[in-house]
Amino acid sequence: MLLFFSPYDKTVEPYIRIATGDYEELVSERGKNDALWAILSSMAHEIIHYQQWLEDKEMDEKEAENGSEESLDSYYRFL
């Protein structure tokens, strides 16, 4: 599970919380590569929410989903 905490007060530091306790279960269900990809995708999604917070935008799930896919696709092309 990942969570982006976005405080209303900009003097308070935001954070992203990452829980990886289900990694082994993901590996057994999806395989190692897909399990890692799922975690990276979730992290990228939360980073997009962080960028939205920095820019004082609404937390837009569709934008975060699309942005995370674009980020990972760009990364994958460089491998």
N, C-alpha and C. Protein backbone atom coordinates (compact mmCIF):
# COMPACT_ATOMS: atom_id res chain seq x y z
N MET A 1 0.83 -1.18 0.00
CA MET A 1 0.00 0.00 0.00
C MET A 1 0.88 1.24 0.00
N LEU A 2 0.47 2.20 -0.79
CA LEU A 2 1.16 3.48 -0.82
C LEU A 2 0.16 4.58 -0.51
N LEU A 3 0.67 5.61 0.11
CA LEU A 3 -0.18 6.72 0.50
C LEU A 3 0.63 8.00 0.40
N PHE A 4 0.05 9.03 -0.19
CA PHE A 4 0.66 10.34 -0.18
C PHE A 4 -0.11 11.20 0.80
N PHE A 5 0.57 11.70 1.82
CA PHE A 5 -0.03 12.60 2.79
C PHE A 5 0.23 14.02 2.34
N SER A 6 -0.85 14.73 2.02
CA SER A 6 -0.72 16.11 1.53
C SER A 6 -1.35 17.07 2.53
N PRO A 7 -0.54 17.69 3.37
CA PRO A 7 -1.10 18.61 4.36
C PRO A 7 -1.62 19.88 3.70
N TYR A 8 -2.65 20.47 4.31
CA TYR A 8 -3.18 21.73 3.80
C TYR A 8 -2.19 22.86 4.04
N ASP A 9 -1.47 22.77 5.12
CA ASP A 9 -0.50 23.79 5.50
C ASP A 9 0.83 23.48 4.80
N LYS A 10 1.27 24.38 3.91
CA LYS A 10 2.49 24.14 3.13
C LYS A 10 3.76 24.19 3.98
N THR A 11 3.66 24.60 5.25
CA THR A 11 4.84 24.59 6.11
C THR A 11 5.07 23.21 6.72
N VAL A 12 4.10 22.30 6.55
CA VAL A 12 4.22 20.93 7.04
C VAL A 12 4.69 20.06 5.89
N GLU A 13 5.70 19.24 6.15
CA GLU A 13 6.26 18.38 5.11
C GLU A 13 5.30 17.27 4.70
N PRO A 14 5.09 17.08 3.41
CA PRO A 14 4.29 15.94 2.95
C PRO A 14 5.15 14.68 3.00
N TYR A 15 4.53 13.52 2.85
CA TYR A 15 5.31 12.28 2.78
C TYR A 15 4.55 11.23 2.00
N ILE A 16 5.30 10.28 1.51
CA ILE A 16 4.74 9.10 0.85
C ILE A 16 5.09 7.91 1.72
N ARG A 17 4.08 7.14 2.07
CA ARG A 17 4.27 5.94 2.89
C ARG A 17 4.18 4.73 1.97
N ILE A 18 5.14 3.84 2.10
CA ILE A 18 5.21 2.65 1.25
C ILE A 18 5.21 1.41 2.13
N ALA A 19 4.24 0.52 1.91
CA ALA A 19 4.20 -0.76 2.60
C ALA A 19 4.53 -1.85 1.57
N THR A 20 5.50 -2.67 1.87
CA THR A 20 5.92 -3.70 0.92
C THR A 20 5.73 -5.11 1.48
N GLY A 21 4.93 -5.25 2.51
CA GLY A 21 4.73 -6.54 3.15
C GLY A 21 4.09 -7.59 2.27
N ASP A 22 3.42 -7.15 1.21
CA ASP A 22 2.77 -8.11 0.31
C ASP A 22 3.63 -8.44 -0.91
N TYR A 23 4.90 -8.06 -0.88
CA TYR A 23 5.78 -8.30 -2.02
C TYR A 23 5.85 -9.79 -2.39
N GLU A 24 6.08 -10.65 -1.42
CA GLU A 24 6.20 -12.09 -1.70
C GLU A 24 4.91 -12.63 -2.31
N GLU A 25 3.78 -12.16 -1.82
CA GLU A 25 2.49 -12.58 -2.36
C GLU A 25 2.34 -12.11 -3.81
N LEU A 26 2.76 -10.87 -4.08
CA LEU A 26 2.71 -10.37 -5.46
C LEU A 26 3.61 -11.20 -6.37
N VAL A 27 4.80 -11.56 -5.88
CA VAL A 27 5.72 -12.37 -6.68
C VAL A 27 5.08 -13.71 -7.01
N SER A 28 4.44 -14.34 -6.03
CA SER A 28 3.83 -15.66 -6.30
C SER A 28 2.63 -15.53 -7.23
N GLU A 29 1.91 -14.41 -7.17
CA GLU A 29 0.74 -14.21 -8.04
C GLU A 29 1.12 -13.75 -9.44
N ARG A 30 2.12 -12.84 -9.52
CA ARG A 30 2.40 -12.16 -10.79
C ARG A 30 3.77 -12.44 -11.38
N GLY A 31 4.66 -12.96 -10.56
CA GLY A 31 6.05 -13.10 -10.99
C GLY A 31 6.85 -11.90 -10.52
N LYS A 32 8.17 -12.05 -10.47
CA LYS A 32 9.03 -11.02 -9.91
C LYS A 32 8.95 -9.70 -10.68
N ASN A 33 9.06 -9.76 -11.99
CA ASN A 33 9.06 -8.52 -12.78
C ASN A 33 7.75 -7.76 -12.64
N ASP A 34 6.64 -8.45 -12.73
CA ASP A 34 5.34 -7.78 -12.60
C ASP A 34 5.10 -7.27 -11.18
N ALA A 35 5.61 -7.97 -10.18
CA ALA A 35 5.48 -7.51 -8.80
C ALA A 35 6.26 -6.21 -8.60
N LEU A 36 7.48 -6.17 -9.11
CA LEU A 36 8.28 -4.96 -9.02
C LEU A 36 7.64 -3.82 -9.80
N TRP A 37 7.12 -4.14 -10.98
CA TRP A 37 6.46 -3.13 -11.80
C TRP A 37 5.24 -2.55 -11.07
N ALA A 38 4.48 -3.38 -10.38
CA ALA A 38 3.30 -2.91 -9.64
C ALA A 38 3.72 -1.94 -8.53
N ILE A 39 4.79 -2.26 -7.83
CA ILE A 39 5.26 -1.38 -6.76
C ILE A 39 5.78 -0.07 -7.35
N LEU A 40 6.57 -0.14 -8.41
CA LEU A 40 7.08 1.07 -9.05
C LEU A 40 5.94 1.93 -9.59
N SER A 41 4.93 1.29 -10.15
CA SER A 41 3.78 2.02 -10.67
C SER A 41 3.05 2.76 -9.56
N SER A 42 2.88 2.11 -8.43
CA SER A 42 2.24 2.76 -7.29
C SER A 42 3.06 3.93 -6.77
N MET A 43 4.38 3.75 -6.73
CA MET A 43 5.25 4.84 -6.29
C MET A 43 5.16 6.03 -7.24
N ALA A 44 5.20 5.76 -8.54
CA ALA A 44 5.12 6.83 -9.53
C ALA A 44 3.78 7.57 -9.41
N HIS A 45 2.71 6.82 -9.16
CA HIS A 45 1.38 7.41 -8.98
C HIS A 45 1.39 8.40 -7.82
N GLU A 46 1.98 8.02 -6.71
CA GLU A 46 2.02 8.89 -5.54
C GLU A 46 2.94 10.09 -5.76
N ILE A 47 3.99 9.92 -6.54
CA ILE A 47 4.87 11.05 -6.87
C ILE A 47 4.11 12.08 -7.71
N ILE A 48 3.24 11.62 -8.60
CA ILE A 48 2.41 12.55 -9.37
C ILE A 48 1.50 13.33 -8.42
N HIS A 49 0.93 12.67 -7.40
CA HIS A 49 0.13 13.38 -6.41
C HIS A 49 0.98 14.42 -5.67
N TYR A 50 2.22 14.09 -5.39
CA TYR A 50 3.13 15.05 -4.74
C TYR A 50 3.32 16.26 -5.65
N GLN A 51 3.52 16.03 -6.95
CA GLN A 51 3.67 17.14 -7.88
C GLN A 51 2.40 17.99 -7.94
N GLN A 52 1.25 17.34 -7.90
CA GLN A 52 -0.02 18.08 -7.88
C GLN A 52 -0.09 18.96 -6.64
N TRP A 53 0.33 18.43 -5.50
CA TRP A 53 0.32 19.17 -4.25
C TRP A 53 1.25 20.38 -4.34
N LEU A 54 2.45 20.16 -4.89
CA LEU A 54 3.41 21.27 -5.03
C LEU A 54 2.83 22.40 -5.87
N GLU A 55 2.07 22.03 -6.90
CA GLU A 55 1.50 23.01 -7.83
C GLU A 55 0.11 23.49 -7.40
N ASP A 56 -0.31 23.13 -6.19
CA ASP A 56 -1.63 23.52 -5.67
C ASP A 56 -2.78 23.09 -6.57
N LYS A 57 -2.65 21.91 -7.16
CA LYS A 57 -3.71 21.36 -8.00
C LYS A 57 -4.60 20.42 -7.18
N GLU A 58 -5.77 20.14 -7.71
CA GLU A 58 -6.63 19.11 -7.14
C GLU A 58 -5.92 17.76 -7.26
N MET A 59 -6.17 16.85 -6.33
CA MET A 59 -5.63 15.50 -6.43
C MET A 59 -6.46 14.75 -7.46
N ASP A 60 -5.93 14.65 -8.66
CA ASP A 60 -6.63 14.08 -9.80
C ASP A 60 -6.12 12.65 -10.03
N GLU A 61 -6.96 11.67 -9.75
CA GLU A 61 -6.57 10.26 -9.88
C GLU A 61 -6.24 9.89 -11.33
N LYS A 62 -7.03 10.40 -12.27
CA LYS A 62 -6.81 10.09 -13.68
C LYS A 62 -5.45 10.62 -14.13
N GLU A 63 -5.14 11.86 -13.74
CA GLU A 63 -3.85 12.45 -14.09
C GLU A 63 -2.71 11.66 -13.45
N ALA A 64 -2.90 11.24 -12.20
CA ALA A 64 -1.86 10.47 -11.51
C ALA A 64 -1.64 9.12 -12.19
N GLU A 65 -2.74 8.49 -12.60
CA GLU A 65 -2.62 7.19 -13.28
C GLU A 65 -1.91 7.35 -14.63
N ASN A 66 -2.34 8.33 -15.41
CA ASN A 66 -1.72 8.56 -16.72
C ASN A 66 -0.27 8.99 -16.58
N GLY A 67 0.01 9.87 -15.63
CA GLY A 67 1.37 10.35 -15.43
C GLY A 67 2.30 9.25 -14.96
N SER A 68 1.80 8.36 -14.11
CA SER A 68 2.65 7.27 -13.63
C SER A 68 2.96 6.29 -14.76
N GLU A 69 1.98 6.02 -15.62
CA GLU A 69 2.22 5.14 -16.76
C GLU A 69 3.24 5.76 -17.72
N GLU A 70 3.11 7.05 -17.98
CA GLU A 70 4.06 7.74 -18.87
C GLU A 70 5.47 7.71 -18.28
N SER A 71 5.58 7.94 -16.98
CA SER A 71 6.89 7.94 -16.32
C SER A 71 7.56 6.57 -16.42
N LEU A 72 6.79 5.52 -16.13
CA LEU A 72 7.36 4.18 -16.19
C LEU A 72 7.67 3.76 -17.62
N ASP A 73 6.82 4.15 -18.56
CA ASP A 73 7.11 3.84 -19.97
C ASP A 73 8.39 4.52 -20.41
N SER A 74 8.60 5.77 -20.00
CA SER A 74 9.84 6.49 -20.34
C SER A 74 11.04 5.79 -19.73
N TYR A 75 10.91 5.39 -18.48
CA TYR A 75 11.99 4.67 -17.80
C TYR A 75 12.30 3.37 -18.52
N TYR A 76 11.27 2.63 -18.87
CA TYR A 76 11.44 1.33 -19.50
C TYR A 76 12.17 1.44 -20.83
N ARG A 77 11.89 2.50 -21.59
CA ARG A 77 12.56 2.69 -22.88
C ARG A 77 14.07 2.86 -22.74
N PHE A 78 14.53 3.36 -21.57
CA PHE A 78 15.95 3.57 -21.35
C PHE A 78 16.68 2.35 -20.82
N LEU A 79 15.96 1.29 -20.50
CA LEU A 79 16.61 0.09 -19.98
C LEU A 79 17.34 -0.68 -21.06
